[in-house]
C-alpha cells in the first residue's frame, strides 16, 4: 500500500506491513464496521447479492493467482469450482460429514485435480495451455453428469452449512460465514504474493526461461500455482453448494469460466484489488 507524501518507514517490519499508517487503519476499521453491520439494514435480496459476490470473489482470487501472478492461462475454472461443490455435497449429504470437513476437502480435492490438468503447463503455455484447461472443464462436467454418486443429470441436494450447533439457514447468517472466509482468503492471497512463492510466480509469468536459469523450479511452482488457484476454487464451490442448497452441472458451464477470466482482466491482473473490482 502506498504511503502519503512525506511519510516513510524506519524499519523492515514497517515496510513489509500491509496496513502502515493510522489513516490506513482507520479506513480499514471503518470498512469492516460497514461490512459487518450490513445485515442490520439490508434486505435478503441484497444480502444474497453480497453472498454471491463473496463466493465469486474467492474463486476469482484463485484464478488471479494462477493467471495474474503465475501467467498460466486457465479457461476451465468453473469446472474446478464444480469439483469443490460436488465434493462438499457428497461428503455432507451422502456421508453426513461436518461442514468444515467438506469445506477443506473440497479445496484439497479441487487442488489435486488442478495439479493433474496443470501437468501440461510444463511443456505448453499460452493458447495451447488454455486448450488443456478447456478440456478439463468438459471432462469434469461429463463425469458429474454420468456418475451416480453426484446425482447425474438430476443433481444433488446440499444441507445447510453448520458449525457445532450453529446452522447457517438465513441469508444474514450465511453472509457472515461467506464474508469471513472471503476476507481470510484475501488476506492469505495478499501475503502469499509477498513471499518467495509469490516472487517465483511473478518471475515465471514475466519470463519463464530467465526464471529457470535463475534457479526457479518451473515444474514445482507451476503445479503449485494450479493447486493454490484450484484450492480457492474448491472453497468457493463448497460455499456455493451450501448457499444454493442444490447442485446441477448446468450451474458450472463453460460460459462461467469465460466470465471468471473476464472478471480478473477487467479488475486488473496480478493485483490484490483487481479481483474485488472485477467481481463487483
C-alpha atoms as a PDB file:
ATOM      1  CA  UNK A   1       0.000   0.000   0.000  1.00  0.00           C
ATOM      2  CA  UNK A   2       1.395   3.419  -0.971  1.00  0.00           C
ATOM      3  CA  UNK A   3       2.318   5.941   1.691  1.00  0.00           C
ATOM      4  CA  UNK A   4       1.330   9.645   1.852  1.00  0.00           C
ATOM      5  CA  UNK A   5       3.895  12.200   0.701  1.00  0.00           C
ATOM      6  CA  UNK A   6       6.470  12.889   3.441  1.00  0.00           C
ATOM      7  CA  UNK A   7       5.829   9.595   5.250  1.00  0.00           C
ATOM      8  CA  UNK A   8       8.460   6.867   5.254  1.00  0.00           C
ATOM      9  CA  UNK A   9       9.250   3.639   7.025  1.00  0.00           C
ATOM     10  CA  UNK A  10      12.051   3.320   9.557  1.00  0.00           C
ATOM     11  CA  UNK A  11      12.127  -0.475   9.961  1.00  0.00           C
ATOM     12  CA  UNK A  12      11.833  -3.553   7.777  1.00  0.00           C
ATOM     13  CA  UNK A  13       8.694  -4.674   9.651  1.00  0.00           C
ATOM     14  CA  UNK A  14       7.014  -1.341   8.873  1.00  0.00           C
ATOM     15  CA  UNK A  15       7.999  -1.603   5.225  1.00  0.00           C
ATOM     16  CA  UNK A  16       6.536  -5.118   4.964  1.00  0.00           C
ATOM     17  CA  UNK A  17       3.284  -4.319   6.798  1.00  0.00           C
ATOM     18  CA  UNK A  18       0.113  -4.367   4.697  1.00  0.00           C
ATOM     19  CA  UNK A  19      -1.570  -1.626   6.755  1.00  0.00           C
ATOM     20  CA  UNK A  20       1.023   1.009   7.659  1.00  0.00           C
ATOM     21  CA  UNK A  21      -0.374   4.364   8.753  1.00  0.00           C
ATOM     22  CA  UNK A  22      -3.089   5.499  11.164  1.00  0.00           C
ATOM     23  CA  UNK A  23      -5.190   6.632   8.211  1.00  0.00           C
ATOM     24  CA  UNK A  24      -4.929   3.179   6.682  1.00  0.00           C
ATOM     25  CA  UNK A  25      -6.003   1.577   9.971  1.00  0.00           C
ATOM     26  CA  UNK A  26      -8.929   4.000  10.321  1.00  0.00           C
ATOM     27  CA  UNK A  27     -10.129   3.261   6.785  1.00  0.00           C
ATOM     28  CA  UNK A  28      -9.776  -0.472   7.380  1.00  0.00           C
ATOM     29  CA  UNK A  29     -11.785  -0.434  10.617  1.00  0.00           C
ATOM     30  CA  UNK A  30     -14.423   1.815   9.059  1.00  0.00           C
ATOM     31  CA  UNK A  31     -14.795  -0.559   6.118  1.00  0.00           C
ATOM     32  CA  UNK A  32     -15.049  -3.586   8.431  1.00  0.00           C
ATOM     33  CA  UNK A  33     -17.724  -1.884  10.542  1.00  0.00           C
ATOM     34  CA  UNK A  34     -19.799  -1.157   7.436  1.00  0.00           C
ATOM     35  CA  UNK A  35     -19.224  -4.678   6.122  1.00  0.00           C
ATOM     36  CA  UNK A  36     -20.292  -6.490   9.293  1.00  0.00           C
ATOM     37  CA  UNK A  37     -23.316  -4.296  10.002  1.00  0.00           C
ATOM     38  CA  UNK A  38     -24.872  -4.707   6.550  1.00  0.00           C
ATOM     39  CA  UNK A  39     -27.342  -7.431   7.666  1.00  0.00           C
ATOM     40  CA  UNK A  40     -28.869  -4.875  10.054  1.00  0.00           C
ATOM     41  CA  UNK A  41     -30.174  -2.637   7.263  1.00  0.00           C
ATOM     42  CA  UNK A  42     -30.082  -4.625   4.011  1.00  0.00           C
ATOM     43  CA  UNK A  43     -32.889  -6.797   2.664  1.00  0.00           C
ATOM     44  CA  UNK A  44     -32.467 -10.503   1.954  1.00  0.00           C
ATOM     45  CA  UNK A  45     -32.204  -9.735  -1.750  1.00  0.00           C
ATOM     46  CA  UNK A  46     -29.136  -7.516  -1.318  1.00  0.00           C
ATOM     47  CA  UNK A  47     -27.621  -9.898   1.222  1.00  0.00           C
ATOM     48  CA  UNK A  48     -27.983 -12.606  -1.427  1.00  0.00           C
ATOM     49  CA  UNK A  49     -26.174 -10.365  -3.906  1.00  0.00           C
ATOM     50  CA  UNK A  50     -23.320  -9.814  -1.452  1.00  0.00           C
ATOM     51  CA  UNK A  51     -23.192 -13.541  -0.706  1.00  0.00           C
ATOM     52  CA  UNK A  52     -22.781 -14.261  -4.407  1.00  0.00           C
ATOM     53  CA  UNK A  53     -20.102 -11.559  -4.650  1.00  0.00           C
ATOM     54  CA  UNK A  54     -18.198 -13.105  -1.736  1.00  0.00           C
ATOM     55  CA  UNK A  55     -18.301 -16.618  -3.206  1.00  0.00           C
ATOM     56  CA  UNK A  56     -17.336 -15.416  -6.680  1.00  0.00           C
ATOM     57  CA  UNK A  57     -14.529 -13.322  -5.199  1.00  0.00           C
ATOM     58  CA  UNK A  58     -12.898 -16.357  -3.573  1.00  0.00           C
ATOM     59  CA  UNK A  59     -12.871 -18.202  -6.911  1.00  0.00           C
ATOM     60  CA  UNK A  60     -11.579 -15.112  -8.741  1.00  0.00           C
ATOM     61  CA  UNK A  61      -8.737 -14.722  -6.234  1.00  0.00           C
ATOM     62  CA  UNK A  62      -7.612 -18.259  -7.017  1.00  0.00           C
ATOM     63  CA  UNK A  63      -7.749 -17.642 -10.767  1.00  0.00           C
ATOM     64  CA  UNK A  64      -5.833 -14.381 -10.306  1.00  0.00           C
ATOM     65  CA  UNK A  65      -3.015 -16.238  -8.525  1.00  0.00           C
ATOM     66  CA  UNK A  66      -2.846 -18.745 -11.369  1.00  0.00           C
ATOM     67  CA  UNK A  67      -3.258 -16.379 -14.325  1.00  0.00           C
ATOM     68  CA  UNK A  68      -2.419 -12.926 -12.973  1.00  0.00           C
ATOM     69  CA  UNK A  69       0.633 -13.797 -10.897  1.00  0.00           C
ATOM     70  CA  UNK A  70       1.956 -17.034 -12.429  1.00  0.00           C
ATOM     71  CA  UNK A  71       0.853 -16.382 -16.015  1.00  0.00           C
ATOM     72  CA  UNK A  72      -0.751 -19.819 -16.554  1.00  0.00           C
ATOM     73  CA  UNK A  73      -3.866 -19.231 -18.655  1.00  0.00           C
ATOM     74  CA  UNK A  74      -6.817 -21.297 -17.412  1.00  0.00           C
ATOM     75  CA  UNK A  75     -10.230 -21.246 -19.085  1.00  0.00           C
ATOM     76  CA  UNK A  76     -11.771 -24.106 -17.146  1.00  0.00           C
ATOM     77  CA  UNK A  77     -12.141 -22.520 -13.722  1.00  0.00           C
ATOM     78  CA  UNK A  78     -15.858 -23.280 -13.421  1.00  0.00           C
ATOM     79  CA  UNK A  79     -15.002 -26.967 -13.727  1.00  0.00           C
ATOM     80  CA  UNK A  80     -12.723 -26.797 -10.694  1.00  0.00           C
ATOM     81  CA  UNK A  81     -15.407 -24.906  -8.776  1.00  0.00           C
ATOM     82  CA  UNK A  82     -17.767 -27.758  -9.661  1.00  0.00           C
ATOM     83  CA  UNK A  83     -15.286 -30.278  -8.235  1.00  0.00           C
ATOM     84  CA  UNK A  84     -15.291 -28.423  -4.917  1.00  0.00           C
ATOM     85  CA  UNK A  85     -19.060 -28.024  -4.896  1.00  0.00           C
ATOM     86  CA  UNK A  86     -19.762 -31.699  -5.548  1.00  0.00           C
ATOM     87  CA  UNK A  87     -17.061 -32.844  -3.131  1.00  0.00           C
ATOM     88  CA  UNK A  88     -18.720 -30.864  -0.341  1.00  0.00           C
ATOM     89  CA  UNK A  89     -22.167 -32.078  -1.409  1.00  0.00           C
ATOM     90  CA  UNK A  90     -21.165 -35.743  -1.430  1.00  0.00           C
ATOM     91  CA  UNK A  91     -19.368 -35.560   1.918  1.00  0.00           C
ATOM     92  CA  UNK A  92     -22.120 -33.665   3.757  1.00  0.00           C
ATOM     93  CA  UNK A  93     -25.124 -35.288   2.074  1.00  0.00           C
ATOM     94  CA  UNK A  94     -24.128 -38.843   1.200  1.00  0.00           C
ATOM     95  CA  UNK A  95     -21.606 -39.413   4.003  1.00  0.00           C
ATOM     96  CA  UNK A  96     -23.129 -36.935   6.537  1.00  0.00           C
ATOM     97  CA  UNK A  97     -19.761 -35.422   7.415  1.00  0.00           C
ATOM     98  CA  UNK A  98     -19.382 -31.990   9.111  1.00  0.00           C
ATOM     99  CA  UNK A  99     -19.398 -28.816   7.045  1.00  0.00           C
ATOM    100  CA  UNK A 100     -15.795 -27.884   7.857  1.00  0.00           C
ATOM    101  CA  UNK A 101     -14.566 -31.312   6.756  1.00  0.00           C
ATOM    102  CA  UNK A 102     -16.430 -30.912   3.481  1.00  0.00           C
ATOM    103  CA  UNK A 103     -15.112 -27.364   3.034  1.00  0.00           C
ATOM    104  CA  UNK A 104     -11.436 -28.251   3.457  1.00  0.00           C
ATOM    105  CA  UNK A 105     -11.816 -31.484   1.493  1.00  0.00           C
ATOM    106  CA  UNK A 106     -13.441 -29.551  -1.362  1.00  0.00           C
ATOM    107  CA  UNK A 107     -10.411 -27.288  -1.583  1.00  0.00           C
ATOM    108  CA  UNK A 108      -7.930 -30.170  -1.432  1.00  0.00           C
ATOM    109  CA  UNK A 109      -9.700 -32.367  -3.976  1.00  0.00           C
ATOM    110  CA  UNK A 110     -10.119 -29.461  -6.385  1.00  0.00           C
ATOM    111  CA  UNK A 111      -6.447 -28.562  -5.875  1.00  0.00           C
ATOM    112  CA  UNK A 112      -5.245 -32.088  -6.693  1.00  0.00           C
ATOM    113  CA  UNK A 113      -7.492 -32.244  -9.770  1.00  0.00           C
ATOM    114  CA  UNK A 114      -5.963 -28.903 -10.761  1.00  0.00           C
ATOM    115  CA  UNK A 115      -2.475 -30.411 -10.498  1.00  0.00           C
ATOM    116  CA  UNK A 116      -3.477 -33.230 -12.869  1.00  0.00           C
ATOM    117  CA  UNK A 117      -4.739 -30.831 -15.523  1.00  0.00           C
ATOM    118  CA  UNK A 118      -1.836 -28.473 -14.815  1.00  0.00           C
ATOM    119  CA  UNK A 119       0.800 -31.032 -15.805  1.00  0.00           C
ATOM    120  CA  UNK A 120       0.739 -29.939 -19.490  1.00  0.00           C
ATOM    121  CA  UNK A 121       1.833 -26.450 -18.339  1.00  0.00           C
ATOM    122  CA  UNK A 122       5.349 -27.837 -18.016  1.00  0.00           C
ATOM    123  CA  UNK A 123       5.547 -28.290 -21.806  1.00  0.00           C
ATOM    124  CA  UNK A 124       2.944 -25.928 -23.259  1.00  0.00           C
ATOM    125  CA  UNK A 125       1.776 -22.410 -22.497  1.00  0.00           C
ATOM    126  CA  UNK A 126      -0.449 -19.642 -23.777  1.00  0.00           C
ATOM    127  CA  UNK A 127      -3.139 -20.724 -26.229  1.00  0.00           C
ATOM    128  CA  UNK A 128      -2.159 -24.406 -26.021  1.00  0.00           C
ATOM    129  CA  UNK A 129      -2.415 -24.435 -22.214  1.00  0.00           C
ATOM    130  CA  UNK A 130      -5.813 -22.766 -22.491  1.00  0.00           C
ATOM    131  CA  UNK A 131      -6.960 -25.679 -24.673  1.00  0.00           C
ATOM    132  CA  UNK A 132      -5.981 -28.214 -21.994  1.00  0.00           C
ATOM    133  CA  UNK A 133      -7.898 -26.320 -19.319  1.00  0.00           C
ATOM    134  CA  UNK A 134     -10.940 -26.135 -21.590  1.00  0.00           C
ATOM    135  CA  UNK A 135     -10.677 -29.921 -21.834  1.00  0.00           C
ATOM    136  CA  UNK A 136     -10.703 -30.060 -18.018  1.00  0.00           C
ATOM    137  CA  UNK A 137     -13.956 -28.094 -17.995  1.00  0.00           C
ATOM    138  CA  UNK A 138     -15.778 -30.542 -20.280  1.00  0.00           C
ATOM    139  CA  UNK A 139     -14.258 -33.702 -18.797  1.00  0.00           C
ATOM    140  CA  UNK A 140     -15.262 -32.696 -15.259  1.00  0.00           C
ATOM    141  CA  UNK A 141     -18.820 -31.831 -16.288  1.00  0.00           C
ATOM    142  CA  UNK A 142     -19.123 -35.119 -18.227  1.00  0.00           C
ATOM    143  CA  UNK A 143     -18.039 -37.107 -15.157  1.00  0.00           C
ATOM    144  CA  UNK A 144     -20.525 -35.229 -12.969  1.00  0.00           C
ATOM    145  CA  UNK A 145     -23.385 -35.931 -15.358  1.00  0.00           C
ATOM    146  CA  UNK A 146     -22.601 -39.642 -15.674  1.00  0.00           C
ATOM    147  CA  UNK A 147     -21.597 -40.558 -12.103  1.00  0.00           C
ATOM    148  CA  UNK A 148     -24.382 -41.842  -9.869  1.00  0.00           C
ATOM    149  CA  UNK A 149     -22.686 -40.533  -6.718  1.00  0.00           C
ATOM    150  CA  UNK A 150     -23.136 -36.946  -7.929  1.00  0.00           C
ATOM    151  CA  UNK A 151     -26.791 -37.468  -8.811  1.00  0.00           C
ATOM    152  CA  UNK A 152     -26.062 -37.298 -12.527  1.00  0.00           C
ATOM    153  CA  UNK A 153     -28.364 -35.092 -14.558  1.00  0.00           C
ATOM    154  CA  UNK A 154     -30.863 -34.999 -11.676  1.00  0.00           C
ATOM    155  CA  UNK A 155     -28.493 -33.128  -9.385  1.00  0.00           C
ATOM    156  CA  UNK A 156     -27.935 -33.457  -5.647  1.00  0.00           C
ATOM    157  CA  UNK A 157     -29.297 -31.677  -2.574  1.00  0.00           C
ATOM    158  CA  UNK A 158     -26.901 -29.992  -0.178  1.00  0.00           C
ATOM    159  CA  UNK A 159     -27.708 -29.384   3.526  1.00  0.00           C
ATOM    160  CA  UNK A 160     -27.247 -26.040   5.247  1.00  0.00           C
ATOM    161  CA  UNK A 161     -23.748 -25.284   6.455  1.00  0.00           C
ATOM    162  CA  UNK A 162     -23.324 -25.800  10.192  1.00  0.00           C
ATOM    163  CA  UNK A 163     -20.521 -25.452  12.722  1.00  0.00           C
ATOM    164  CA  UNK A 164     -21.176 -27.173  16.014  1.00  0.00           C
ATOM    165  CA  UNK A 165     -24.784 -26.418  16.873  1.00  0.00           C
ATOM    166  CA  UNK A 166     -24.936 -23.280  14.733  1.00  0.00           C
ATOM    167  CA  UNK A 167     -26.819 -23.807  11.460  1.00  0.00           C
ATOM    168  CA  UNK A 168     -26.479 -21.136   8.769  1.00  0.00           C
ATOM    169  CA  UNK A 169     -30.032 -21.075   7.414  1.00  0.00           C
ATOM    170  CA  UNK A 170     -30.796 -17.388   6.823  1.00  0.00           C
ATOM    171  CA  UNK A 171     -29.173 -15.069   4.298  1.00  0.00           C
ATOM    172  CA  UNK A 172     -27.730 -12.965   7.128  1.00  0.00           C
ATOM    173  CA  UNK A 173     -26.050 -15.899   8.883  1.00  0.00           C
ATOM    174  CA  UNK A 174     -24.696 -17.191   5.559  1.00  0.00           C
ATOM    175  CA  UNK A 175     -23.475 -13.675   4.825  1.00  0.00           C
ATOM    176  CA  UNK A 176     -21.249 -13.664   7.901  1.00  0.00           C
ATOM    177  CA  UNK A 177     -19.887 -17.117   7.069  1.00  0.00           C
ATOM    178  CA  UNK A 178     -19.095 -16.220   3.461  1.00  0.00           C
ATOM    179  CA  UNK A 179     -17.672 -12.765   4.175  1.00  0.00           C
ATOM    180  CA  UNK A 180     -15.355 -14.042   6.921  1.00  0.00           C
ATOM    181  CA  UNK A 181     -13.995 -16.801   4.665  1.00  0.00           C
ATOM    182  CA  UNK A 182     -13.660 -14.356   1.753  1.00  0.00           C
ATOM    183  CA  UNK A 183     -11.741 -11.877   3.941  1.00  0.00           C
ATOM    184  CA  UNK A 184      -9.444 -14.686   5.114  1.00  0.00           C
ATOM    185  CA  UNK A 185      -8.806 -15.735   1.514  1.00  0.00           C
ATOM    186  CA  UNK A 186      -7.945 -12.157   0.510  1.00  0.00           C
ATOM    187  CA  UNK A 187      -5.512 -11.912   3.447  1.00  0.00           C
ATOM    188  CA  UNK A 188      -3.856 -15.230   2.559  1.00  0.00           C
ATOM    189  CA  UNK A 189      -3.575 -14.339  -1.133  1.00  0.00           C
ATOM    190  CA  UNK A 190      -2.117 -10.909  -0.340  1.00  0.00           C
ATOM    191  CA  UNK A 191       0.551 -12.402   1.900  1.00  0.00           C
ATOM    192  CA  UNK A 192       1.292 -15.260  -0.498  1.00  0.00           C
ATOM    193  CA  UNK A 193       2.227 -12.858  -3.271  1.00  0.00           C
ATOM    194  CA  UNK A 194       4.747 -11.155  -0.954  1.00  0.00           C
ATOM    195  CA  UNK A 195       6.631 -14.381  -0.182  1.00  0.00           C
ATOM    196  CA  UNK A 196       9.291 -16.389  -2.031  1.00  0.00           C
ATOM    197  CA  UNK A 197       6.486 -18.353  -3.707  1.00  0.00           C
ATOM    198  CA  UNK A 198       4.804 -15.187  -4.957  1.00  0.00           C
ATOM    199  CA  UNK A 199       8.078 -13.825  -6.345  1.00  0.00           C
ATOM    200  CA  UNK A 200       8.681 -17.141  -8.123  1.00  0.00           C
ATOM    201  CA  UNK A 201       5.197 -16.938  -9.673  1.00  0.00           C
ATOM    202  CA  UNK A 202       5.882 -13.425 -10.966  1.00  0.00           C
ATOM    203  CA  UNK A 203       9.285 -14.467 -12.354  1.00  0.00           C
ATOM    204  CA  UNK A 204       7.656 -17.353 -14.266  1.00  0.00           C
ATOM    205  CA  UNK A 205       4.958 -15.038 -15.589  1.00  0.00           C
ATOM    206  CA  UNK A 206       7.424 -12.406 -16.807  1.00  0.00           C
ATOM    207  CA  UNK A 207       9.999 -14.769 -18.331  1.00  0.00           C
ATOM    208  CA  UNK A 208       9.930 -18.461 -17.508  1.00  0.00           C
ATOM    209  CA  UNK A 209      13.232 -19.167 -19.282  1.00  0.00           C
ATOM    210  CA  UNK A 210      15.061 -16.496 -17.278  1.00  0.00           C
ATOM    211  CA  UNK A 211      13.386 -17.736 -14.093  1.00  0.00           C
ATOM    212  CA  UNK A 212      14.584 -21.285 -14.771  1.00  0.00           C
ATOM    213  CA  UNK A 213      18.128 -20.039 -15.392  1.00  0.00           C
ATOM    214  CA  UNK A 214      18.000 -18.208 -12.043  1.00  0.00           C
ATOM    215  CA  UNK A 215      17.122 -21.472 -10.272  1.00  0.00           C
ATOM    216  CA  UNK A 216      13.308 -21.373 -10.144  1.00  0.00           C
ATOM    217  CA  UNK A 217      11.866 -24.896 -10.407  1.00  0.00           C
ATOM    218  CA  UNK A 218       9.258 -24.445 -13.143  1.00  0.00           C
ATOM    219  CA  UNK A 219       7.555 -27.808 -12.606  1.00  0.00           C
ATOM    220  CA  UNK A 220       7.141 -27.275  -8.865  1.00  0.00           C
ATOM    221  CA  UNK A 221       5.923 -23.696  -8.965  1.00  0.00           C
ATOM    222  CA  UNK A 222       3.601 -24.095 -11.945  1.00  0.00           C
ATOM    223  CA  UNK A 223       1.900 -27.078 -10.331  1.00  0.00           C
ATOM    224  CA  UNK A 224       1.810 -25.227  -7.009  1.00  0.00           C
ATOM    225  CA  UNK A 225       0.058 -22.314  -8.734  1.00  0.00           C
ATOM    226  CA  UNK A 226      -2.522 -24.716 -10.167  1.00  0.00           C
ATOM    227  CA  UNK A 227      -3.041 -26.309  -6.753  1.00  0.00           C
ATOM    228  CA  UNK A 228      -3.489 -22.981  -4.942  1.00  0.00           C
ATOM    229  CA  UNK A 229      -5.712 -21.490  -7.637  1.00  0.00           C
ATOM    230  CA  UNK A 230      -7.939 -24.579  -7.744  1.00  0.00           C
ATOM    231  CA  UNK A 231      -7.923 -24.851  -3.936  1.00  0.00           C
ATOM    232  CA  UNK A 232      -9.583 -21.419  -3.754  1.00  0.00           C
ATOM    233  CA  UNK A 233     -11.996 -22.533  -6.487  1.00  0.00           C
ATOM    234  CA  UNK A 234     -12.906 -25.603  -4.423  1.00  0.00           C
ATOM    235  CA  UNK A 235     -13.584 -23.482  -1.334  1.00  0.00           C
ATOM    236  CA  UNK A 236     -15.820 -21.209  -3.404  1.00  0.00           C
ATOM    237  CA  UNK A 237     -17.612 -24.239  -4.834  1.00  0.00           C
ATOM    238  CA  UNK A 238     -18.293 -25.667  -1.376  1.00  0.00           C
ATOM    239  CA  UNK A 239     -19.740 -22.358  -0.151  1.00  0.00           C
ATOM    240  CA  UNK A 240     -21.837 -22.066  -3.310  1.00  0.00           C
ATOM    241  CA  UNK A 241     -23.222 -25.567  -2.795  1.00  0.00           C
ATOM    242  CA  UNK A 242     -24.319 -24.890   0.785  1.00  0.00           C
ATOM    243  CA  UNK A 243     -25.660 -21.449  -0.118  1.00  0.00           C
ATOM    244  CA  UNK A 244     -27.801 -22.654  -3.050  1.00  0.00           C
ATOM    245  CA  UNK A 245     -28.811 -25.958  -1.467  1.00  0.00           C
ATOM    246  CA  UNK A 246     -28.997 -27.864  -4.751  1.00  0.00           C
ATOM    247  CA  UNK A 247     -26.407 -28.645  -7.420  1.00  0.00           C
ATOM    248  CA  UNK A 248     -26.718 -29.346 -11.112  1.00  0.00           C
ATOM    249  CA  UNK A 249     -23.907 -29.460 -13.673  1.00  0.00           C
ATOM    250  CA  UNK A 250     -25.592 -26.710 -15.694  1.00  0.00           C
ATOM    251  CA  UNK A 251     -24.552 -24.222 -12.983  1.00  0.00           C
ATOM    252  CA  UNK A 252     -20.899 -24.672 -13.998  1.00  0.00           C
ATOM    253  CA  UNK A 253     -20.978 -24.018 -17.714  1.00  0.00           C
ATOM    254  CA  UNK A 254     -18.095 -23.014 -19.972  1.00  0.00           C
ATOM    255  CA  UNK A 255     -19.607 -19.528 -20.120  1.00  0.00           C
ATOM    256  CA  UNK A 256     -18.990 -19.204 -16.379  1.00  0.00           C
ATOM    257  CA  UNK A 257     -15.306 -19.994 -16.921  1.00  0.00           C
ATOM    258  CA  UNK A 258     -15.082 -17.234 -19.534  1.00  0.00           C
ATOM    259  CA  UNK A 259     -16.749 -14.797 -17.125  1.00  0.00           C
ATOM    260  CA  UNK A 260     -14.156 -15.512 -14.443  1.00  0.00           C
ATOM    261  CA  UNK A 261     -11.338 -14.714 -16.856  1.00  0.00           C
ATOM    262  CA  UNK A 262     -13.158 -11.517 -17.813  1.00  0.00           C
ATOM    263  CA  UNK A 263     -13.503 -10.507 -14.158  1.00  0.00           C
ATOM    264  CA  UNK A 264      -9.795 -10.631 -13.371  1.00  0.00           C
ATOM    265  CA  UNK A 265      -8.861  -8.938 -16.653  1.00  0.00           C
ATOM    266  CA  UNK A 266     -11.319  -6.077 -16.105  1.00  0.00           C
ATOM    267  CA  UNK A 267     -10.296  -5.651 -12.447  1.00  0.00           C
ATOM    268  CA  UNK A 268      -6.582  -5.904 -13.122  1.00  0.00           C
ATOM    269  CA  UNK A 269      -4.394  -8.977 -13.483  1.00  0.00           C
ATOM    270  CA  UNK A 270      -1.749  -9.602 -10.836  1.00  0.00           C
ATOM    271  CA  UNK A 271      -3.154  -7.183  -8.242  1.00  0.00           C
ATOM    272  CA  UNK A 272      -4.920  -7.677  -4.924  1.00  0.00           C
ATOM    273  CA  UNK A 273      -7.706  -5.206  -5.618  1.00  0.00           C
ATOM    274  CA  UNK A 274      -8.227  -6.458  -9.189  1.00  0.00           C
ATOM    275  CA  UNK A 275     -10.429  -9.498  -8.449  1.00  0.00           C
ATOM    276  CA  UNK A 276     -12.508  -7.450  -5.989  1.00  0.00           C
ATOM    277  CA  UNK A 277     -13.251  -4.721  -8.541  1.00  0.00           C
ATOM    278  CA  UNK A 278     -13.750  -7.214 -11.347  1.00  0.00           C
ATOM    279  CA  UNK A 279     -16.245  -9.318  -9.412  1.00  0.00           C
ATOM    280  CA  UNK A 280     -18.252  -6.325  -8.187  1.00  0.00           C
END
